[in-house]
PDB file of N, CA and C in Angstrom:
ATOM      1  N   UNK A   1    -114.520 163.421 -29.882  1.00  0.00           N
ATOM      2  CA  UNK A   1    -113.416 162.799 -30.554  1.00  0.00           C
ATOM      3  C   UNK A   1    -113.883 162.143 -31.836  1.00  0.00           C
ATOM      4  N   UNK A   2    -113.035 162.202 -32.841  1.00  0.00           N
ATOM      5  CA  UNK A   2    -113.358 161.672 -34.162  1.00  0.00           C
ATOM      6  C   UNK A   2    -112.961 160.210 -34.257  1.00  0.00           C
ATOM      7  N   UNK A   3    -113.794 159.382 -34.838  1.00  0.00           N
ATOM      8  CA  UNK A   3    -113.479 157.962 -35.057  1.00  0.00           C
ATOM      9  C   UNK A   3    -112.650 157.816 -36.320  1.00  0.00           C
ATOM     10  N   UNK A   4    -111.712 156.883 -36.332  1.00  0.00           N
ATOM     11  CA  UNK A   4    -110.911 156.661 -37.546  1.00  0.00           C
ATOM     12  C   UNK A   4    -111.797 156.201 -38.694  1.00  0.00           C
ATOM     13  N   UNK A   5    -111.496 156.674 -39.837  1.00  0.00           N
ATOM     14  CA  UNK A   5    -112.221 156.317 -41.059  1.00  0.00           C
ATOM     15  C   UNK A   5    -111.929 154.857 -41.404  1.00  0.00           C
ATOM     16  N   UNK A   6    -112.944 154.081 -41.759  1.00  0.00           N
ATOM     17  CA  UNK A   6    -112.739 152.664 -42.098  1.00  0.00           C
ATOM     18  C   UNK A   6    -111.890 152.522 -43.351  1.00  0.00           C
ATOM     19  N   UNK A   7    -111.955 153.508 -44.241  1.00  0.00           N
ATOM     20  CA  UNK A   7    -111.126 153.483 -45.449  1.00  0.00           C
ATOM     21  C   UNK A   7    -109.645 153.642 -45.075  1.00  0.00           C
ATOM     22  N   UNK A   8    -109.342 154.497 -44.124  1.00  0.00           N
ATOM     23  CA  UNK A   8    -107.964 154.703 -43.678  1.00  0.00           C
ATOM     24  C   UNK A   8    -107.428 153.449 -42.997  1.00  0.00           C
ATOM     25  N   UNK A   9    -108.295 152.772 -42.235  1.00  0.00           N
ATOM     26  CA  UNK A   9    -107.878 151.540 -41.560  1.00  0.00           C
ATOM     27  C   UNK A   9    -107.570 150.456 -42.581  1.00  0.00           C
ATOM     28  N   UNK A  10    -108.437 150.307 -43.577  1.00  0.00           N
ATOM     29  CA  UNK A  10    -108.214 149.267 -44.580  1.00  0.00           C
ATOM     30  C   UNK A  10    -106.989 149.580 -45.436  1.00  0.00           C
ATOM     31  N   UNK A  11    -106.736 150.863 -45.714  1.00  0.00           N
ATOM     32  CA  UNK A  11    -105.526 151.237 -46.473  1.00  0.00           C
ATOM     33  C   UNK A  11    -104.284 150.926 -45.673  1.00  0.00           C
ATOM     34  N   UNK A  12    -104.286 151.235 -44.397  1.00  0.00           N
ATOM     35  CA  UNK A  12    -103.153 150.936 -43.530  1.00  0.00           C
ATOM     36  C   UNK A  12    -102.917 149.448 -43.415  1.00  0.00           C
ATOM     37  N   UNK A  13    -103.996 148.683 -43.307  1.00  0.00           N
ATOM     38  CA  UNK A  13    -103.895 147.226 -43.222  1.00  0.00           C
ATOM     39  C   UNK A  13    -103.344 146.647 -44.518  1.00  0.00           C
ATOM     40  N   UNK A  14    -103.777 147.172 -45.647  1.00  0.00           N
ATOM     41  CA  UNK A  14    -103.288 146.724 -46.948  1.00  0.00           C
ATOM     42  C   UNK A  14    -101.786 147.014 -47.083  1.00  0.00           C
ATOM     43  N   UNK A  15    -101.357 148.193 -46.642  1.00  0.00           N
ATOM     44  CA  UNK A  15     -99.933 148.541 -46.712  1.00  0.00           C
ATOM     45  C   UNK A  15     -99.105 147.611 -45.821  1.00  0.00           C
ATOM     46  N   UNK A  16     -99.637 147.245 -44.668  1.00  0.00           N
ATOM     47  CA  UNK A  16     -98.941 146.331 -43.768  1.00  0.00           C
ATOM     48  C   UNK A  16     -98.795 144.949 -44.404  1.00  0.00           C
ATOM     49  N   UNK A  17     -99.854 144.466 -45.040  1.00  0.00           N
ATOM     50  CA  UNK A  17     -99.820 143.153 -45.697  1.00  0.00           C
ATOM     51  C   UNK A  17     -98.801 143.161 -46.839  1.00  0.00           C
ATOM     52  N   UNK A  18     -98.801 144.221 -47.635  1.00  0.00           N
ATOM     53  CA  UNK A  18     -97.849 144.322 -48.744  1.00  0.00           C
ATOM     54  C   UNK A  18     -96.423 144.353 -48.203  1.00  0.00           C
ATOM     55  N   UNK A  19     -96.188 145.107 -47.140  1.00  0.00           N
ATOM     56  CA  UNK A  19     -94.854 145.165 -46.540  1.00  0.00           C
ATOM     57  C   UNK A  19     -94.418 143.785 -46.062  1.00  0.00           C
ATOM     58  N   UNK A  20     -95.307 143.048 -45.411  1.00  0.00           N
ATOM     59  CA  UNK A  20     -94.966 141.712 -44.917  1.00  0.00           C
ATOM     60  C   UNK A  20     -94.669 140.754 -46.066  1.00  0.00           C
ATOM     61  N   UNK A  21     -95.409 140.856 -47.162  1.00  0.00           N
ATOM     62  CA  UNK A  21     -95.142 140.005 -48.324  1.00  0.00           C
ATOM     63  C   UNK A  21     -93.775 140.307 -48.941  1.00  0.00           C
ATOM     64  N   UNK A  22     -93.438 141.576 -49.053  1.00  0.00           N
ATOM     65  CA  UNK A  22     -92.132 141.962 -49.602  1.00  0.00           C
ATOM     66  C   UNK A  22     -91.016 141.476 -48.679  1.00  0.00           C
ATOM     67  N   UNK A  23     -91.199 141.630 -47.365  1.00  0.00           N
ATOM     68  CA  UNK A  23     -90.195 141.170 -46.410  1.00  0.00           C
ATOM     69  C   UNK A  23     -90.023 139.654 -46.498  1.00  0.00           C
ATOM     70  N   UNK A  24     -91.122 138.920 -46.618  1.00  0.00           N
ATOM     71  CA  UNK A  24     -91.047 137.458 -46.730  1.00  0.00           C
ATOM     72  C   UNK A  24     -90.322 137.049 -48.012  1.00  0.00           C
ATOM     73  N   UNK A  25     -90.581 137.740 -49.116  1.00  0.00           N
ATOM     74  CA  UNK A  25     -89.903 137.435 -50.376  1.00  0.00           C
ATOM     75  C   UNK A  25     -88.402 137.712 -50.257  1.00  0.00           C
ATOM     76  N   UNK A  26     -88.032 138.793 -49.596  1.00  0.00           N
ATOM     77  CA  UNK A  26     -86.623 139.133 -49.407  1.00  0.00           C
ATOM     78  C   UNK A  26     -85.926 138.078 -48.555  1.00  0.00           C
ATOM     79  N   UNK A  27     -86.548 137.645 -47.489  1.00  0.00           N
ATOM     80  CA  UNK A  27     -85.973 136.605 -46.628  1.00  0.00           C
ATOM     81  C   UNK A  27     -85.834 135.299 -47.402  1.00  0.00           C
ATOM     82  N   UNK A  28     -86.823 134.978 -48.222  1.00  0.00           N
ATOM     83  CA  UNK A  28     -86.750 133.772 -49.055  1.00  0.00           C
ATOM     84  C   UNK A  28     -85.578 133.815 -50.023  1.00  0.00           C
ATOM     85  N   UNK A  29     -85.327 134.983 -50.615  1.00  0.00           N
ATOM     86  CA  UNK A  29     -84.190 135.118 -51.531  1.00  0.00           C
ATOM     87  C   UNK A  29     -82.868 134.943 -50.787  1.00  0.00           C
ATOM     88  N   UNK A  30     -82.768 135.494 -49.594  1.00  0.00           N
ATOM     89  CA  UNK A  30     -81.534 135.332 -48.810  1.00  0.00           C
ATOM     90  C   UNK A  30     -81.282 133.864 -48.491  1.00  0.00           C
ATOM     91  N   UNK A  31     -82.323 133.150 -48.136  1.00  0.00           N
ATOM     92  CA  UNK A  31     -82.169 131.717 -47.845  1.00  0.00           C
ATOM     93  C   UNK A  31     -81.778 130.942 -49.094  1.00  0.00           C
ATOM     94  N   UNK A  32     -82.363 131.295 -50.235  1.00  0.00           N
ATOM     95  CA  UNK A  32     -82.035 130.617 -51.495  1.00  0.00           C
ATOM     96  C   UNK A  32     -80.563 130.788 -51.821  1.00  0.00           C
ATOM     97  N   UNK A  33     -80.047 132.012 -51.727  1.00  0.00           N
ATOM     98  CA  UNK A  33     -78.648 132.248 -52.053  1.00  0.00           C
ATOM     99  C   UNK A  33     -77.723 131.575 -51.052  1.00  0.00           C
ATOM    100  N   UNK A  34     -78.148 131.466 -49.816  1.00  0.00           N
ATOM    101  CA  UNK A  34     -77.345 130.769 -48.815  1.00  0.00           C
ATOM    102  C   UNK A  34     -77.208 129.294 -49.131  1.00  0.00           C
ATOM    103  N   UNK A  35     -78.246 128.674 -49.715  1.00  0.00           N
ATOM    104  CA  UNK A  35     -78.199 127.259 -50.060  1.00  0.00           C
ATOM    105  C   UNK A  35     -77.435 127.004 -51.345  1.00  0.00           C
ATOM    106  N   UNK A  36     -77.236 128.017 -52.165  1.00  0.00           N
ATOM    107  CA  UNK A  36     -76.529 127.834 -53.431  1.00  0.00           C
ATOM    108  C   UNK A  36     -75.013 127.821 -53.240  1.00  0.00           C
ATOM    109  N   UNK A  37     -74.509 128.277 -52.098  1.00  0.00           N
ATOM    110  CA  UNK A  37     -73.069 128.365 -51.867  1.00  0.00           C
ATOM    111  C   UNK A  37     -72.335 127.031 -51.968  1.00  0.00           C
ATOM    112  N   UNK A  38     -72.865 125.924 -51.416  1.00  0.00           N
ATOM    113  CA  UNK A  38     -72.143 124.653 -51.572  1.00  0.00           C
ATOM    114  C   UNK A  38     -71.953 124.263 -53.044  1.00  0.00           C
ATOM    115  N   UNK A  39     -72.904 124.601 -53.874  1.00  0.00           N
ATOM    116  CA  UNK A  39     -72.768 124.292 -55.299  1.00  0.00           C
ATOM    117  C   UNK A  39     -71.654 125.123 -55.927  1.00  0.00           C
ATOM    118  N   UNK A  40     -71.550 126.380 -55.533  1.00  0.00           N
ATOM    119  CA  UNK A  40     -70.480 127.222 -56.061  1.00  0.00           C
ATOM    120  C   UNK A  40     -69.124 126.735 -55.577  1.00  0.00           C
ATOM    121  N   UNK A  41     -69.051 126.350 -54.316  1.00  0.00           N
ATOM    122  CA  UNK A  41     -67.796 125.830 -53.772  1.00  0.00           C
ATOM    123  C   UNK A  41     -67.378 124.571 -54.509  1.00  0.00           C
ATOM    124  N   UNK A  42     -68.317 123.680 -54.780  1.00  0.00           N
ATOM    125  CA  UNK A  42     -68.006 122.441 -55.518  1.00  0.00           C
ATOM    126  C   UNK A  42     -67.569 122.757 -56.945  1.00  0.00           C
ATOM    127  N   UNK A  43     -68.139 123.794 -57.552  1.00  0.00           N
ATOM    128  CA  UNK A  43     -67.731 124.190 -58.898  1.00  0.00           C
ATOM    129  C   UNK A  43     -66.285 124.692 -58.908  1.00  0.00           C
ATOM    130  N   UNK A  44     -65.880 125.377 -57.844  1.00  0.00           N
ATOM    131  CA  UNK A  44     -64.495 125.840 -57.737  1.00  0.00           C
ATOM    132  C   UNK A  44     -63.556 124.643 -57.599  1.00  0.00           C
ATOM    133  N   UNK A  45     -63.929 123.669 -56.767  1.00  0.00           N
ATOM    134  CA  UNK A  45     -63.121 122.454 -56.604  1.00  0.00           C
ATOM    135  C   UNK A  45     -62.983 121.747 -57.950  1.00  0.00           C
ATOM    136  N   UNK A  46     -64.076 121.653 -58.668  1.00  0.00           N
ATOM    137  CA  UNK A  46     -64.057 120.969 -59.970  1.00  0.00           C
ATOM    138  C   UNK A  46     -63.165 121.699 -60.972  1.00  0.00           C
ATOM    139  N   UNK A  47     -63.164 123.018 -60.957  1.00  0.00           N
ATOM    140  CA  UNK A  47     -62.299 123.786 -61.863  1.00  0.00           C
ATOM    141  C   UNK A  47     -60.825 123.532 -61.541  1.00  0.00           C
ATOM    142  N   UNK A  48     -60.488 123.483 -60.259  1.00  0.00           N
ATOM    143  CA  UNK A  48     -59.102 123.199 -59.863  1.00  0.00           C
ATOM    144  C   UNK A  48     -58.723 121.782 -60.269  1.00  0.00           C
ATOM    145  N   UNK A  49     -59.641 120.843 -60.063  1.00  0.00           N
ATOM    146  CA  UNK A  49     -59.377 119.442 -60.421  1.00  0.00           C
ATOM    147  C   UNK A  49     -59.142 119.305 -61.926  1.00  0.00           C
ATOM    148  N   UNK A  50     -59.950 119.981 -62.736  1.00  0.00           N
ATOM    149  CA  UNK A  50     -59.787 119.895 -64.193  1.00  0.00           C
ATOM    150  C   UNK A  50     -58.450 120.488 -64.638  1.00  0.00           C
ATOM    151  N   UNK A  51     -58.042 121.578 -64.024  1.00  0.00           N
ATOM    152  CA  UNK A  51     -56.752 122.179 -64.368  1.00  0.00           C
ATOM    153  C   UNK A  51     -55.610 121.245 -63.973  1.00  0.00           C
ATOM    154  N   UNK A  52     -55.741 120.583 -62.834  1.00  0.00           N
ATOM    155  CA  UNK A  52     -54.695 119.642 -62.396  1.00  0.00           C
ATOM    156  C   UNK A  52     -54.599 118.454 -63.349  1.00  0.00           C
ATOM    157  N   UNK A  53     -55.745 117.948 -63.784  1.00  0.00           N
ATOM    158  CA  UNK A  53     -55.755 116.815 -64.715  1.00  0.00           C
ATOM    159  C   UNK A  53     -55.189 117.241 -66.072  1.00  0.00           C
ATOM    160  N   UNK A  54     -55.519 118.440 -66.507  1.00  0.00           N
ATOM    161  CA  UNK A  54     -54.967 118.937 -67.771  1.00  0.00           C
ATOM    162  C   UNK A  54     -53.442 119.033 -67.676  1.00  0.00           C
ATOM    163  N   UNK A  55     -52.953 119.534 -66.561  1.00  0.00           N
ATOM    164  CA  UNK A  55     -51.501 119.614 -66.350  1.00  0.00           C
ATOM    165  C   UNK A  55     -50.888 118.217 -66.393  1.00  0.00           C
ATOM    166  N   UNK A  56     -51.523 117.254 -65.740  1.00  0.00           N
ATOM    167  CA  UNK A  56     -51.002 115.879 -65.729  1.00  0.00           C
ATOM    168  C   UNK A  56     -50.965 115.303 -67.141  1.00  0.00           C
ATOM    169  N   UNK A  57     -52.015 115.577 -67.924  1.00  0.00           N
ATOM    170  CA  UNK A  57     -52.069 115.057 -69.289  1.00  0.00           C
ATOM    171  C   UNK A  57     -50.992 115.682 -70.174  1.00  0.00           C
ATOM    172  N   UNK A  58     -50.714 116.959 -69.978  1.00  0.00           N
ATOM    173  CA  UNK A  58     -49.749 117.651 -70.824  1.00  0.00           C
ATOM    174  C   UNK A  58     -48.300 117.499 -70.359  1.00  0.00           C
ATOM    175  N   UNK A  59     -48.092 117.458 -69.041  1.00  0.00           N
ATOM    176  CA  UNK A  59     -46.732 117.480 -68.514  1.00  0.00           C
ATOM    177  C   UNK A  59     -46.286 116.171 -67.863  1.00  0.00           C
ATOM    178  N   UNK A  60     -47.223 115.260 -67.626  1.00  0.00           N
ATOM    179  CA  UNK A  60     -46.872 113.980 -67.030  1.00  0.00           C
ATOM    180  C   UNK A  60     -46.817 113.965 -65.517  1.00  0.00           C
ATOM    181  N   UNK A  61     -47.165 115.081 -64.894  1.00  0.00           N
ATOM    182  CA  UNK A  61     -47.225 115.133 -63.432  1.00  0.00           C
ATOM    183  C   UNK A  61     -48.249 116.188 -63.018  1.00  0.00           C
ATOM    184  N   UNK A  62     -48.777 116.002 -61.819  1.00  0.00           N
ATOM    185  CA  UNK A  62     -49.721 116.983 -61.294  1.00  0.00           C
ATOM    186  C   UNK A  62     -48.973 118.231 -60.862  1.00  0.00           C
ATOM    187  N   UNK A  63     -49.629 119.372 -60.869  1.00  0.00           N
ATOM    188  CA  UNK A  63     -48.954 120.612 -60.468  1.00  0.00           C
ATOM    189  C   UNK A  63     -48.432 120.522 -59.036  1.00  0.00           C
ATOM    190  N   UNK A  64     -47.264 121.100 -58.778  1.00  0.00           N
ATOM    191  CA  UNK A  64     -46.685 121.026 -57.434  1.00  0.00           C
ATOM    192  C   UNK A  64     -47.462 121.837 -56.398  1.00  0.00           C
ATOM    193  N   UNK A  65     -48.129 122.900 -56.855  1.00  0.00           N
ATOM    194  CA  UNK A  65     -48.942 123.711 -55.948  1.00  0.00           C
ATOM    195  C   UNK A  65     -50.001 124.450 -56.746  1.00  0.00           C
ATOM    196  N   UNK A  66     -50.856 125.112 -56.033  1.00  0.00           N
ATOM    197  CA  UNK A  66     -51.996 125.779 -56.662  1.00  0.00           C
ATOM    198  C   UNK A  66     -51.552 127.014 -57.463  1.00  0.00           C
ATOM    199  N   UNK A  67     -50.482 127.648 -57.043  1.00  0.00           N
ATOM    200  CA  UNK A  67     -49.978 128.819 -57.769  1.00  0.00           C
ATOM    201  C   UNK A  67     -49.440 128.448 -59.150  1.00  0.00           C
ATOM    202  N   UNK A  68     -48.945 127.228 -59.296  1.00  0.00           N
ATOM    203  CA  UNK A  68     -48.458 126.756 -60.595  1.00  0.00           C
ATOM    204  C   UNK A  68     -49.591 126.784 -61.620  1.00  0.00           C
ATOM    205  N   UNK A  69     -50.778 126.362 -61.194  1.00  0.00           N
ATOM    206  CA  UNK A  69     -51.927 126.368 -62.109  1.00  0.00           C
ATOM    207  C   UNK A  69     -52.348 127.791 -62.439  1.00  0.00           C
ATOM    208  N   UNK A  70     -52.185 128.679 -61.496  1.00  0.00           N
ATOM    209  CA  UNK A  70     -52.512 130.092 -61.735  1.00  0.00           C
ATOM    210  C   UNK A  70     -51.560 130.680 -62.769  1.00  0.00           C
ATOM    211  N   UNK A  71     -50.282 130.405 -62.620  1.00  0.00           N
ATOM    212  CA  UNK A  71     -49.268 130.966 -63.513  1.00  0.00           C
ATOM    213  C   UNK A  71     -49.265 130.330 -64.900  1.00  0.00           C
ATOM    214  N   UNK A  72     -49.444 128.998 -64.975  1.00  0.00           N
ATOM    215  CA  UNK A  72     -49.291 128.300 -66.250  1.00  0.00           C
ATOM    216  C   UNK A  72     -50.592 127.910 -66.938  1.00  0.00           C
ATOM    217  N   UNK A  73     -51.688 127.879 -66.205  1.00  0.00           N
ATOM    218  CA  UNK A  73     -52.954 127.436 -66.793  1.00  0.00           C
ATOM    219  C   UNK A  73     -54.069 128.467 -66.667  1.00  0.00           C
ATOM    220  N   UNK A  74     -53.744 129.650 -66.178  1.00  0.00           N
ATOM    221  CA  UNK A  74     -54.713 130.745 -66.150  1.00  0.00           C
ATOM    222  C   UNK A  74     -55.848 130.584 -65.154  1.00  0.00           C
ATOM    223  N   UNK A  75     -55.681 129.727 -64.183  1.00  0.00           N
ATOM    224  CA  UNK A  75     -56.724 129.533 -63.181  1.00  0.00           C
ATOM    225  C   UNK A  75     -56.816 130.773 -62.298  1.00  0.00           C
ATOM    226  N   UNK A  76     -58.023 131.259 -62.073  1.00  0.00           N
ATOM    227  CA  UNK A  76     -58.259 132.448 -61.246  1.00  0.00           C
ATOM    228  C   UNK A  76     -58.717 132.030 -59.859  1.00  0.00           C
ATOM    229  N   UNK A  77     -58.273 132.736 -58.831  1.00  0.00           N
ATOM    230  CA  UNK A  77     -58.641 132.419 -57.453  1.00  0.00           C
ATOM    231  C   UNK A  77     -59.243 133.639 -56.767  1.00  0.00           C
ATOM    232  N   UNK A  78     -60.290 133.412 -56.008  1.00  0.00           N
ATOM    233  CA  UNK A  78     -60.911 134.457 -55.192  1.00  0.00           C
ATOM    234  C   UNK A  78     -60.491 134.200 -53.747  1.00  0.00           C
ATOM    235  N   UNK A  79     -59.344 134.748 -53.382  1.00  0.00           N
ATOM    236  CA  UNK A  79     -58.796 134.484 -52.053  1.00  0.00           C
ATOM    237  C   UNK A  79     -59.514 135.238 -50.953  1.00  0.00           C
ATOM    238  N   UNK A  80     -60.363 136.193 -51.319  1.00  0.00           N
ATOM    239  CA  UNK A  80     -61.162 136.901 -50.323  1.00  0.00           C
ATOM    240  C   UNK A  80     -62.356 136.039 -49.904  1.00  0.00           C
ATOM    241  N   UNK A  81     -62.959 135.371 -50.863  1.00  0.00           N
ATOM    242  CA  UNK A  81     -64.169 134.586 -50.592  1.00  0.00           C
ATOM    243  C   UNK A  81     -63.873 133.150 -50.160  1.00  0.00           C
ATOM    244  N   UNK A  82     -62.789 132.561 -50.665  1.00  0.00           N
ATOM    245  CA  UNK A  82     -62.508 131.142 -50.425  1.00  0.00           C
ATOM    246  C   UNK A  82     -61.112 130.921 -49.835  1.00  0.00           C
ATOM    247  N   UNK A  83     -61.004 129.851 -49.075  1.00  0.00           N
ATOM    248  CA  UNK A  83     -59.708 129.358 -48.601  1.00  0.00           C
ATOM    249  C   UNK A  83     -59.459 128.039 -49.329  1.00  0.00           C
ATOM    250  N   UNK A  84     -58.238 127.847 -49.814  1.00  0.00           N
ATOM    251  CA  UNK A  84     -57.904 126.686 -50.633  1.00  0.00           C
ATOM    252  C   UNK A  84     -56.901 125.792 -49.912  1.00  0.00           C
ATOM    253  N   UNK A  85     -57.073 124.475 -50.099  1.00  0.00           N
ATOM    254  CA  UNK A  85     -56.085 123.509 -49.624  1.00  0.00           C
ATOM    255  C   UNK A  85     -55.797 122.560 -50.779  1.00  0.00           C
ATOM    256  N   UNK A  86     -54.553 122.514 -51.190  1.00  0.00           N
ATOM    257  CA  UNK A  86     -54.100 121.685 -52.304  1.00  0.00           C
ATOM    258  C   UNK A  86     -52.900 120.922 -51.798  1.00  0.00           C
ATOM    259  N   UNK A  87     -53.088 119.637 -51.554  1.00  0.00           N
ATOM    260  CA  UNK A  87     -52.020 118.832 -50.951  1.00  0.00           C
ATOM    261  C   UNK A  87     -51.567 117.747 -51.916  1.00  0.00           C
ATOM    262  N   UNK A  88     -50.269 117.781 -52.236  1.00  0.00           N
ATOM    263  CA  UNK A  88     -49.684 116.821 -53.160  1.00  0.00           C
ATOM    264  C   UNK A  88     -48.965 115.732 -52.371  1.00  0.00           C
ATOM    265  N   UNK A  89     -49.291 114.480 -52.677  1.00  0.00           N
ATOM    266  CA  UNK A  89     -48.614 113.345 -52.054  1.00  0.00           C
ATOM    267  C   UNK A  89     -47.443 112.903 -52.933  1.00  0.00           C
ATOM    268  N   UNK A  90     -47.714 112.760 -54.223  1.00  0.00           N
ATOM    269  CA  UNK A  90     -46.694 112.380 -55.208  1.00  0.00           C
ATOM    270  C   UNK A  90     -47.107 112.988 -56.545  1.00  0.00           C
ATOM    271  N   UNK A  91     -46.165 113.176 -57.432  1.00  0.00           N
ATOM    272  CA  UNK A  91     -46.459 113.860 -58.695  1.00  0.00           C
ATOM    273  C   UNK A  91     -47.375 113.059 -59.620  1.00  0.00           C
ATOM    274  N   UNK A  92     -47.520 111.748 -59.356  1.00  0.00           N
ATOM    275  CA  UNK A  92     -48.378 110.926 -60.212  1.00  0.00           C
ATOM    276  C   UNK A  92     -49.679 110.504 -59.519  1.00  0.00           C
ATOM    277  N   UNK A  93     -49.972 111.077 -58.374  1.00  0.00           N
ATOM    278  CA  UNK A  93     -51.216 110.784 -57.645  1.00  0.00           C
ATOM    279  C   UNK A  93     -52.018 112.075 -57.526  1.00  0.00           C
ATOM    280  N   UNK A  94     -53.318 111.976 -57.820  1.00  0.00           N
ATOM    281  CA  UNK A  94     -54.195 113.152 -57.779  1.00  0.00           C
ATOM    282  C   UNK A  94     -54.121 113.829 -56.407  1.00  0.00           C
ATOM    283  N   UNK A  95     -53.824 115.128 -56.394  1.00  0.00           N
ATOM    284  CA  UNK A  95     -53.736 115.858 -55.130  1.00  0.00           C
ATOM    285  C   UNK A  95     -55.095 115.953 -54.426  1.00  0.00           C
ATOM    286  N   UNK A  96     -55.045 116.164 -53.125  1.00  0.00           N
ATOM    287  CA  UNK A  96     -56.264 116.422 -52.365  1.00  0.00           C
ATOM    288  C   UNK A  96     -56.584 117.904 -52.517  1.00  0.00           C
ATOM    289  N   UNK A  97     -57.837 118.191 -52.871  1.00  0.00           N
ATOM    290  CA  UNK A  97     -58.255 119.571 -53.120  1.00  0.00           C
ATOM    291  C   UNK A  97     -59.453 119.868 -52.228  1.00  0.00           C
ATOM    292  N   UNK A  98     -59.346 120.938 -51.470  1.00  0.00           N
ATOM    293  CA  UNK A  98     -60.462 121.392 -50.640  1.00  0.00           C
ATOM    294  C   UNK A  98     -60.611 122.896 -50.819  1.00  0.00           C
ATOM    295  N   UNK A  99     -61.863 123.326 -50.850  1.00  0.00           N
ATOM    296  CA  UNK A  99     -62.170 124.751 -50.932  1.00  0.00           C
ATOM    297  C   UNK A  99     -63.234 125.029 -49.883  1.00  0.00           C
ATOM    298  N   UNK A 100     -62.982 126.048 -49.078  1.00  0.00           N
ATOM    299  CA  UNK A 100     -63.935 126.424 -48.028  1.00  0.00           C
ATOM    300  C   UNK A 100     -64.258 127.896 -48.160  1.00  0.00           C
ATOM    301  N   UNK A 101     -65.530 128.212 -48.038  1.00  0.00           N
ATOM    302  CA  UNK A 101     -65.935 129.603 -48.074  1.00  0.00           C
ATOM    303  C   UNK A 101     -65.561 130.261 -46.756  1.00  0.00           C
ATOM    304  N   UNK A 102     -65.006 131.447 -46.859  1.00  0.00           N
ATOM    305  CA  UNK A 102     -64.585 132.168 -45.644  1.00  0.00           C
ATOM    306  C   UNK A 102     -65.776 132.800 -44.971  1.00  0.00           C
TER     307      UNK A 102
END
């Protein structure tokens, strides 16, 4: 029986190490993007809040609903990725705004 060549063993070991490093880098990137989601969600909340304040400054009252800002202020919504809650108590009080990733 023939013994495995030491060069073949070291090449195989090197390929395994490279594969593990690439896999670790890929897993690290997935974790990084997972941690960035709260920042994106907060940015969406802030965009809605700014549009509501702009409406209040121009019209004297906060928008009655989130669709009003879409129609009159050009706000875009990603309803596939996010769920929105926009609750108005009174036209002169800042609405409660929540955005949750689906």
